[in-house]
Amino acid sequence: MIRNGIDILPAVYGKLVGRRNIALVTGSANIDAAGRPVHEVVGRLAGNRLKAIWSLQHGFFIDKQDNMVLSPSFFWSARGAEVRSLYGEKLLPDPEWLRGIGLLVVDPFDTGTRVYTFVNHLAMLLRWLSGRGVEMVVLDRPNPLNGRDREGNVALADHFSIVAQLPVPMRHGLTAGEFLSYALSYYGLDVPLTVVQARGWTRRKYFANSWTLPSPNMPSFATAVVYPGAVLLEGTNLSEGRGTTRPFELVGAPFIDPFRLASELKPLKLPGVRFVPMFFKPEFSKHGGRVCGGVLVQVTDRDRFRSFRTYYELIRLAARLHPEGFHWQQPPYEFEYLRPPMDMICGSEQIRKAIDKNIPFTGIRDGIEREIHAYAEAVRPFLLYS
């Protein structure tokens, strides 16, 4: 049985926290193994020493659909708690938020993909906390996509943002505790950091348990499996299926011929996946209210499936087959107003430029593999699980 950090916390709470006042960083949908909300579990342990809850992107109630949709801070009368938004007018706290706080307890629901902002935002928070005398405790969870497989190019330092705070690949293979431990070392930060490790998980395991709704368009484990490549769609004018019941699995646009796209993908013999030609109509977001042609990405073998390669090729072929309709999205994207969103998502210009040149993934694969090898060596000292 796998137990998350929140499941271990009651047994170690007194030793870790004592009588200090705390702030909890989490979302309303995060739960323990018994299905109890994390905020409720921590609230019972802390009592009136839980002074505030801090929320990340998509808001505490997981009600904000897209990037750069800000959440206000508010008083949650049902729980008698201040909920302070880290994804509001500012992305970092006001110093007064720390008044009387000795410890931050964080329980992020990460999806195993670098672009998912939660752990990047916490790395930003760690940098802000450095030297302020406040400790952080991470209630760790397994990486849902396993801790062994990695995909995609490594983000470059000159492209760091809220979707890339560290030089990691798109599918990074780290838990939140490992990611933040690496961040602490990478930036040389002065923040006492304790990780309450999950138990019963090994790096080869996927982890779909306790899946709730970390964000509106991450409704299921199946979404997380395709996300490391599907998120590239956000840098294009192709619909990533927002506004449908199959976000990131449906891909298309009004100008796409679904049958031609599916037939062009088939000879690539991409492992662990098939493409079903489809028509769909997003109710909102890109092409909202319009019928789109495209494909449903069906994963047939998740161990062989490589999402980054799959969606790279899907975008490349869509661009080649429909040059009159396809284009890259323009800024802003996640508070970046100059660089193309695709470059922010990838942490590099490399992927966009390769697609513009119609280079198959095999033409860039060796370079990416070298980057991943160097990355694996860099993070080895921070791995907490075998």
Protein backbone atom coordinates (compact mmCIF):
# COMPACT_ATOMS: atom_id res chain seq x y z
CA MET A 1 0.00 0.00 0.00
CA ILE A 2 1.29 3.44 -0.91
CA ARG A 3 0.92 6.17 1.70
CA ASN A 4 1.45 9.84 0.89
CA GLY A 5 3.13 12.36 3.15
CA ILE A 6 -0.24 13.55 4.43
CA ASP A 7 -0.93 9.99 5.62
CA ILE A 8 2.34 9.96 7.59
CA LEU A 9 1.93 13.46 9.02
CA PRO A 10 -0.28 12.66 12.06
CA ALA A 11 2.38 10.33 13.50
CA VAL A 12 5.17 12.91 13.18
CA TYR A 13 3.26 16.16 13.59
CA GLY A 14 4.33 16.90 17.16
CA LYS A 15 8.00 16.32 16.40
CA LEU A 16 7.95 18.33 13.14
CA VAL A 17 5.71 21.22 14.09
CA GLY A 18 5.44 21.40 17.84
CA ARG A 19 3.53 24.51 18.93
CA ARG A 20 4.46 26.70 15.98
CA ASN A 21 1.91 28.59 13.93
CA ILE A 22 1.65 27.33 10.36
CA ALA A 23 0.38 28.25 6.92
CA LEU A 24 -0.76 25.43 4.64
CA VAL A 25 -0.14 25.52 0.87
CA THR A 26 -2.57 23.19 -0.88
CA GLY A 27 -5.71 22.91 -2.99
CA SER A 28 -9.19 22.01 -1.80
CA ALA A 29 -9.22 18.75 -3.79
CA ASN A 30 -6.07 17.26 -2.24
CA ILE A 31 -6.97 14.28 -0.05
CA ASP A 32 -5.38 11.62 2.13
CA ALA A 33 -5.71 7.85 1.65
CA ALA A 34 -9.06 7.86 3.45
CA GLY A 35 -10.47 10.56 1.17
CA ARG A 36 -10.26 13.36 3.75
CA PRO A 37 -9.25 16.79 2.45
CA VAL A 38 -5.69 17.74 3.32
CA HIS A 39 -6.83 21.08 4.74
CA GLU A 40 -9.15 19.21 7.09
CA VAL A 41 -6.46 16.77 8.29
CA VAL A 42 -3.95 19.55 8.90
CA GLY A 43 -6.64 21.74 10.47
CA ARG A 44 -7.47 19.06 13.04
CA LEU A 45 -3.79 18.60 13.91
CA ALA A 46 -2.99 22.30 14.11
CA GLY A 47 -6.18 23.68 15.59
CA ASN A 48 -6.03 27.46 15.92
CA ARG A 49 -2.34 27.38 15.01
CA LEU A 50 -3.31 27.00 11.34
CA LYS A 51 -3.28 30.69 10.54
CA ALA A 52 -3.87 30.64 6.77
CA ILE A 53 -4.16 28.53 3.65
CA TRP A 54 -2.18 29.62 0.60
CA SER A 55 -3.42 28.60 -2.84
CA LEU A 56 -1.61 28.16 -6.16
CA GLN A 57 -2.74 28.37 -9.81
CA HIS A 58 -6.39 27.52 -10.58
CA GLY A 59 -7.43 28.80 -7.15
CA PHE A 60 -8.05 27.01 -3.88
CA PHE A 61 -11.40 25.71 -5.15
CA ILE A 62 -9.84 24.54 -8.47
CA ASP A 63 -12.25 26.74 -10.39
CA LYS A 64 -9.98 28.75 -12.71
CA GLN A 65 -9.74 27.21 -16.17
CA ASP A 66 -6.63 28.62 -17.81
CA ASN A 67 -3.28 30.31 -17.30
CA MET A 68 -3.20 33.96 -16.22
CA VAL A 69 -6.70 33.70 -14.76
CA LEU A 70 -6.04 35.19 -11.34
CA SER A 71 -7.56 34.17 -8.02
CA PRO A 72 -8.28 36.67 -5.24
CA SER A 73 -7.51 36.13 -1.58
CA PHE A 74 -10.60 35.74 0.61
CA PHE A 75 -11.88 34.68 4.01
CA TRP A 76 -13.39 31.19 3.86
CA SER A 77 -16.21 31.48 6.36
CA ALA A 78 -17.10 27.78 6.26
CA ARG A 79 -13.69 26.94 7.71
CA GLY A 80 -12.96 30.22 9.43
CA ALA A 81 -9.69 30.47 7.50
CA GLU A 82 -7.89 33.12 5.49
CA VAL A 83 -7.17 31.82 1.98
CA ARG A 84 -4.35 33.81 0.44
CA SER A 85 -3.72 33.53 -3.30
CA LEU A 86 -0.21 33.07 -4.65
CA TYR A 87 -1.67 33.35 -8.16
CA GLY A 88 -3.28 36.76 -7.88
CA GLU A 89 -2.06 40.29 -8.43
CA LYS A 90 1.32 39.01 -7.25
CA LEU A 91 2.94 35.58 -7.54
CA LEU A 92 4.75 35.85 -4.21
CA PRO A 93 3.50 36.65 -0.70
CA ASP A 94 3.39 40.00 0.97
CA PRO A 95 5.94 39.93 3.82
CA GLU A 96 3.11 40.48 6.30
CA TRP A 97 1.74 37.03 5.42
CA LEU A 98 4.62 35.58 7.44
CA ARG A 99 3.80 37.54 10.57
CA GLY A 100 3.57 34.99 13.40
CA ILE A 101 4.19 32.04 11.01
CA GLY A 102 7.02 29.67 11.86
CA LEU A 103 6.41 26.94 9.31
CA LEU A 104 4.91 26.39 5.87
CA VAL A 105 3.37 22.97 5.24
CA VAL A 106 3.00 22.27 1.52
CA ASP A 107 1.08 19.48 -0.19
CA PRO A 108 1.24 20.02 -3.95
CA PHE A 109 -0.54 17.68 -6.37
CA ASP A 110 2.08 17.46 -9.10
CA THR A 111 1.45 15.71 -12.42
CA GLY A 112 5.04 14.79 -13.27
CA THR A 113 5.28 17.38 -16.06
CA ARG A 114 7.53 20.43 -15.69
CA VAL A 115 5.06 22.91 -17.20
CA TYR A 116 2.48 22.18 -14.49
CA THR A 117 3.09 25.22 -12.34
CA PHE A 118 2.68 23.98 -8.78
CA VAL A 119 6.21 22.80 -7.96
CA ASN A 120 7.78 25.58 -10.04
CA HIS A 121 5.75 28.11 -8.07
CA LEU A 122 6.90 26.49 -4.83
CA ALA A 123 10.51 26.78 -6.04
CA MET A 124 9.84 30.50 -6.56
CA LEU A 125 8.42 30.63 -3.04
CA LEU A 126 11.53 28.89 -1.67
CA ARG A 127 13.72 31.53 -3.30
CA TRP A 128 11.60 34.27 -1.74
CA LEU A 129 11.74 32.59 1.69
CA SER A 130 15.53 32.26 1.68
CA GLY A 131 16.99 33.89 4.77
CA ARG A 132 13.60 34.78 6.29
CA GLY A 133 13.81 32.15 9.03
CA VAL A 134 10.70 30.20 8.05
CA GLU A 135 10.89 26.43 7.61
CA MET A 136 9.11 24.44 4.89
CA VAL A 137 7.72 20.92 5.31
CA VAL A 138 6.79 19.08 2.11
CA LEU A 139 4.14 16.38 2.33
CA ASP A 140 5.41 14.27 -0.52
CA ARG A 141 3.45 12.26 -3.06
CA PRO A 142 4.69 9.77 -5.67
CA ASN A 143 5.27 11.04 -9.18
CA PRO A 144 2.14 9.75 -10.97
CA LEU A 145 4.12 9.09 -14.19
CA ASN A 146 6.74 7.03 -12.32
CA GLY A 147 10.18 8.22 -11.27
CA ARG A 148 12.17 6.39 -13.90
CA ASP A 149 11.13 7.64 -17.35
CA ARG A 150 12.06 11.10 -18.59
CA GLU A 151 11.07 12.91 -21.78
CA GLY A 152 11.71 16.15 -23.59
CA ASN A 153 14.50 18.68 -23.75
CA VAL A 154 15.94 20.26 -20.61
CA ALA A 155 14.85 23.85 -19.90
CA LEU A 156 17.54 26.53 -20.33
CA ALA A 157 18.26 29.05 -17.58
CA ASP A 158 17.52 32.03 -19.83
CA HIS A 159 13.99 30.64 -20.33
CA PHE A 160 13.17 30.12 -16.65
CA SER A 161 9.66 31.19 -15.62
CA ILE A 162 6.73 29.94 -13.58
CA VAL A 163 6.66 26.93 -15.95
CA ALA A 164 10.41 26.29 -15.65
CA GLN A 165 12.36 27.11 -12.51
CA LEU A 166 15.01 24.41 -12.91
CA PRO A 167 16.99 22.74 -15.72
CA VAL A 168 14.75 19.69 -15.92
CA PRO A 169 13.13 17.92 -18.88
CA MET A 170 9.40 18.07 -19.59
CA ARG A 171 8.71 14.71 -17.93
CA HIS A 172 11.08 15.05 -15.03
CA GLY A 173 10.59 11.87 -12.98
CA LEU A 174 10.83 13.67 -9.61
CA THR A 175 8.48 13.90 -6.68
CA ALA A 176 7.67 17.34 -5.29
CA GLY A 177 10.05 16.73 -2.39
CA GLU A 178 12.87 15.82 -4.74
CA PHE A 179 12.14 18.75 -7.05
CA LEU A 180 12.24 21.25 -4.17
CA SER A 181 15.34 19.65 -2.65
CA TYR A 182 17.06 20.10 -6.01
CA ALA A 183 15.85 23.71 -6.16
CA LEU A 184 17.26 24.39 -2.70
CA SER A 185 20.68 23.22 -3.80
CA TYR A 186 20.58 24.69 -7.32
CA TYR A 187 19.92 28.20 -6.03
CA GLY A 188 21.96 27.83 -2.81
CA LEU A 189 19.01 28.79 -0.62
CA ASP A 190 18.83 29.30 3.13
CA VAL A 191 15.51 27.60 3.95
CA PRO A 192 15.23 24.65 6.37
CA LEU A 193 13.42 22.00 4.29
CA THR A 194 11.95 18.73 5.56
CA VAL A 195 10.33 16.17 3.29
CA VAL A 196 7.77 13.80 4.80
CA GLN A 197 8.36 10.95 2.40
CA ALA A 198 5.69 8.77 0.86
CA ARG A 199 5.93 5.09 1.74
CA GLY A 200 5.46 1.99 -0.37
CA TRP A 201 6.34 3.64 -3.68
CA THR A 202 9.28 2.75 -5.91
CA ARG A 203 10.46 4.68 -8.94
CA ARG A 204 9.20 2.14 -11.45
CA LYS A 205 5.59 2.53 -10.28
CA TYR A 206 2.91 4.73 -11.77
CA PHE A 207 0.53 6.20 -9.19
CA ALA A 208 -3.10 6.96 -10.01
CA ASN A 209 -4.42 6.60 -6.45
CA SER A 210 -5.95 9.59 -4.66
CA TRP A 211 -6.60 11.25 -8.04
CA THR A 212 -9.12 14.01 -7.63
CA LEU A 213 -8.99 17.23 -9.63
CA PRO A 214 -5.73 19.16 -9.27
CA SER A 215 -6.91 21.56 -12.00
CA PRO A 216 -10.03 21.78 -14.18
CA ASN A 217 -8.37 20.31 -17.27
CA MET A 218 -6.48 17.55 -15.45
CA PRO A 219 -9.55 15.45 -14.61
CA SER A 220 -7.97 12.00 -14.67
CA PHE A 221 -4.79 10.00 -14.57
CA ALA A 222 -5.22 9.36 -18.31
CA THR A 223 -4.89 13.12 -18.87
CA ALA A 224 -1.62 13.19 -16.93
CA VAL A 225 -0.20 10.36 -19.05
CA VAL A 226 -0.53 12.39 -22.27
CA TYR A 227 0.24 15.78 -20.72
CA PRO A 228 4.08 15.87 -21.09
CA GLY A 229 3.62 16.18 -24.85
CA ALA A 230 0.07 17.45 -25.07
CA VAL A 231 0.98 20.63 -23.21
CA LEU A 232 2.98 21.65 -26.32
CA LEU A 233 -0.39 22.31 -27.97
CA GLU A 234 -0.80 25.36 -25.75
CA GLY A 235 1.95 26.99 -27.82
CA THR A 236 -0.03 26.49 -31.03
CA ASN A 237 -3.45 27.43 -32.41
CA LEU A 238 -4.49 23.78 -32.29
CA SER A 239 -7.19 23.03 -29.73
CA GLU A 240 -5.86 20.89 -26.89
CA GLY A 241 -9.39 19.78 -26.14
CA ARG A 242 -10.17 22.38 -23.49
CA GLY A 243 -13.90 22.85 -23.49
CA THR A 244 -14.48 19.12 -24.09
CA THR A 245 -14.65 16.15 -21.75
CA ARG A 246 -11.30 14.84 -23.06
CA PRO A 247 -8.79 17.68 -22.57
CA PHE A 248 -5.32 17.01 -24.00
CA GLU A 249 -6.46 13.72 -25.53
CA LEU A 250 -8.42 15.48 -28.27
CA VAL A 251 -6.37 17.59 -30.70
CA GLY A 252 -7.60 19.57 -33.67
CA ALA A 253 -8.76 22.76 -35.34
CA PRO A 254 -11.45 23.78 -37.86
CA PHE A 255 -8.89 23.66 -40.66
CA ILE A 256 -7.65 20.11 -39.89
CA ASP A 257 -8.62 17.15 -42.10
CA PRO A 258 -8.85 14.43 -39.42
CA PHE A 259 -8.55 11.49 -41.79
CA ARG A 260 -5.51 12.86 -43.56
CA LEU A 261 -3.78 13.69 -40.26
CA ALA A 262 -4.45 10.22 -38.85
CA SER A 263 -3.21 8.54 -42.02
CA GLU A 264 0.01 10.60 -42.02
CA LEU A 265 0.67 9.70 -38.37
CA LYS A 266 0.19 5.96 -38.86
CA PRO A 267 3.41 5.26 -40.86
CA LEU A 268 5.50 6.80 -38.06
CA LYS A 269 4.63 3.73 -35.95
CA LEU A 270 4.83 5.69 -32.72
CA PRO A 271 4.92 3.21 -29.84
CA GLY A 272 2.06 2.65 -27.44
CA VAL A 273 -0.47 4.91 -29.15
CA ARG A 274 -3.05 5.09 -31.91
CA PHE A 275 -4.85 8.02 -33.48
CA VAL A 276 -8.60 7.97 -34.08
CA PRO A 277 -9.86 10.59 -36.56
CA MET A 278 -12.47 12.71 -34.84
CA PHE A 279 -14.68 15.77 -35.07
CA PHE A 280 -15.34 17.66 -31.84
CA LYS A 281 -16.65 21.04 -30.74
CA PRO A 282 -15.00 22.84 -27.80
CA GLU A 283 -17.55 24.72 -25.73
CA PHE A 284 -14.93 27.33 -24.76
CA SER A 285 -11.22 28.16 -25.17
CA LYS A 286 -9.60 27.83 -28.62
CA HIS A 287 -12.15 27.48 -31.43
CA GLY A 288 -14.96 27.55 -28.87
CA GLY A 289 -18.31 26.79 -30.48
CA ARG A 290 -16.75 25.63 -33.77
CA VAL A 291 -16.47 22.08 -35.08
CA CYS A 292 -12.86 20.94 -35.22
CA GLY A 293 -11.31 18.11 -37.18
CA GLY A 294 -8.54 16.23 -35.44
CA VAL A 295 -7.62 13.05 -33.63
CA LEU A 296 -8.24 11.34 -30.33
CA VAL A 297 -4.90 10.22 -28.91
CA GLN A 298 -5.47 6.75 -27.45
CA VAL A 299 -2.68 5.33 -25.32
CA THR A 300 -2.52 1.57 -25.84
CA ASP A 301 0.64 0.83 -23.81
CA ARG A 302 1.67 3.49 -21.31
CA ASP A 303 5.07 1.87 -20.70
CA ARG A 304 6.04 2.23 -24.35
CA PHE A 305 4.16 5.46 -25.01
CA ARG A 306 6.28 8.61 -25.23
CA SER A 307 4.04 11.64 -25.08
CA PHE A 308 6.60 14.30 -25.95
CA ARG A 309 7.64 12.53 -29.15
CA THR A 310 4.01 11.77 -30.04
CA TYR A 311 2.73 15.34 -29.79
CA TYR A 312 5.88 16.77 -31.37
CA GLU A 313 5.14 14.68 -34.46
CA LEU A 314 1.44 15.50 -34.34
CA ILE A 315 2.16 19.23 -34.31
CA ARG A 316 4.85 18.91 -36.99
CA LEU A 317 2.49 17.08 -39.33
CA ALA A 318 -0.42 19.45 -38.66
CA ALA A 319 1.88 22.37 -39.52
CA ARG A 320 3.11 20.68 -42.70
CA LEU A 321 -0.31 19.52 -43.90
CA HIS A 322 -2.10 22.80 -43.14
CA PRO A 323 0.41 25.64 -43.49
CA GLU A 324 -2.41 28.04 -44.35
CA GLY A 325 -4.14 27.45 -41.03
CA PHE A 326 -1.47 26.51 -38.50
CA HIS A 327 0.41 29.14 -36.51
CA TRP A 328 2.23 29.55 -33.21
CA GLN A 329 0.41 31.30 -30.40
CA GLN A 330 1.60 34.79 -29.52
CA PRO A 331 2.41 36.16 -26.05
CA PRO A 332 1.44 36.57 -23.31
CA TYR A 333 1.77 33.17 -21.71
CA GLU A 334 2.17 32.68 -17.95
CA PHE A 335 3.28 36.28 -17.39
CA GLU A 336 5.84 36.26 -20.22
CA TYR A 337 5.09 39.03 -22.71
CA LEU A 338 7.95 38.78 -25.21
CA ARG A 339 8.94 35.20 -26.01
CA PRO A 340 6.62 32.88 -27.96
CA PRO A 341 4.54 30.68 -25.64
CA MET A 342 5.99 27.57 -27.31
CA ASP A 343 9.49 28.60 -26.23
CA MET A 344 8.32 29.19 -22.66
CA ILE A 345 6.62 25.78 -22.58
CA CYS A 346 9.70 24.02 -23.92
CA GLY A 347 12.21 26.15 -22.04
CA SER A 348 14.06 26.61 -25.30
CA GLU A 349 13.65 27.75 -28.92
CA GLN A 350 14.86 24.35 -30.11
CA ILE A 351 11.52 22.56 -30.45
CA ARG A 352 9.70 25.38 -32.25
CA LYS A 353 12.55 25.87 -34.70
CA ALA A 354 12.82 22.14 -35.42
CA ILE A 355 9.10 21.94 -36.21
CA ASP A 356 9.39 25.00 -38.46
CA LYS A 357 12.08 23.11 -40.38
CA ASN A 358 9.89 19.98 -40.55
CA ILE A 359 12.57 17.92 -38.77
CA PRO A 360 11.21 14.54 -37.59
CA PHE A 361 11.70 13.77 -33.93
CA THR A 362 14.44 11.30 -34.81
CA GLY A 363 16.47 14.29 -36.01
CA ILE A 364 16.53 15.87 -32.53
CA ARG A 365 16.28 12.76 -30.37
CA ASP A 366 20.00 12.20 -29.76
CA GLY A 367 20.54 15.74 -28.51
CA ILE A 368 17.60 15.46 -26.13
CA GLU A 369 18.86 12.13 -24.84
CA ARG A 370 22.24 13.68 -24.04
CA GLU A 371 20.50 16.46 -22.11
CA ILE A 372 18.44 13.94 -20.16
CA HIS A 373 21.56 11.90 -19.30
CA ALA A 374 23.31 14.98 -17.88
CA TYR A 375 20.16 15.91 -15.98
CA ALA A 376 19.89 12.42 -14.47
CA GLU A 377 23.39 12.75 -13.07
CA ALA A 378 22.66 16.22 -11.68
CA VAL A 379 19.57 15.14 -9.73
CA ARG A 380 20.89 11.80 -8.52
CA PRO A 381 21.93 13.17 -5.07
CA PHE A 382 18.37 14.40 -4.44
CA LEU A 383 16.47 11.21 -5.17
CA LEU A 384 14.61 10.00 -2.08
CA TYR A 385 13.20 6.73 -3.43
CA SER A 386 14.78 3.66 -5.01
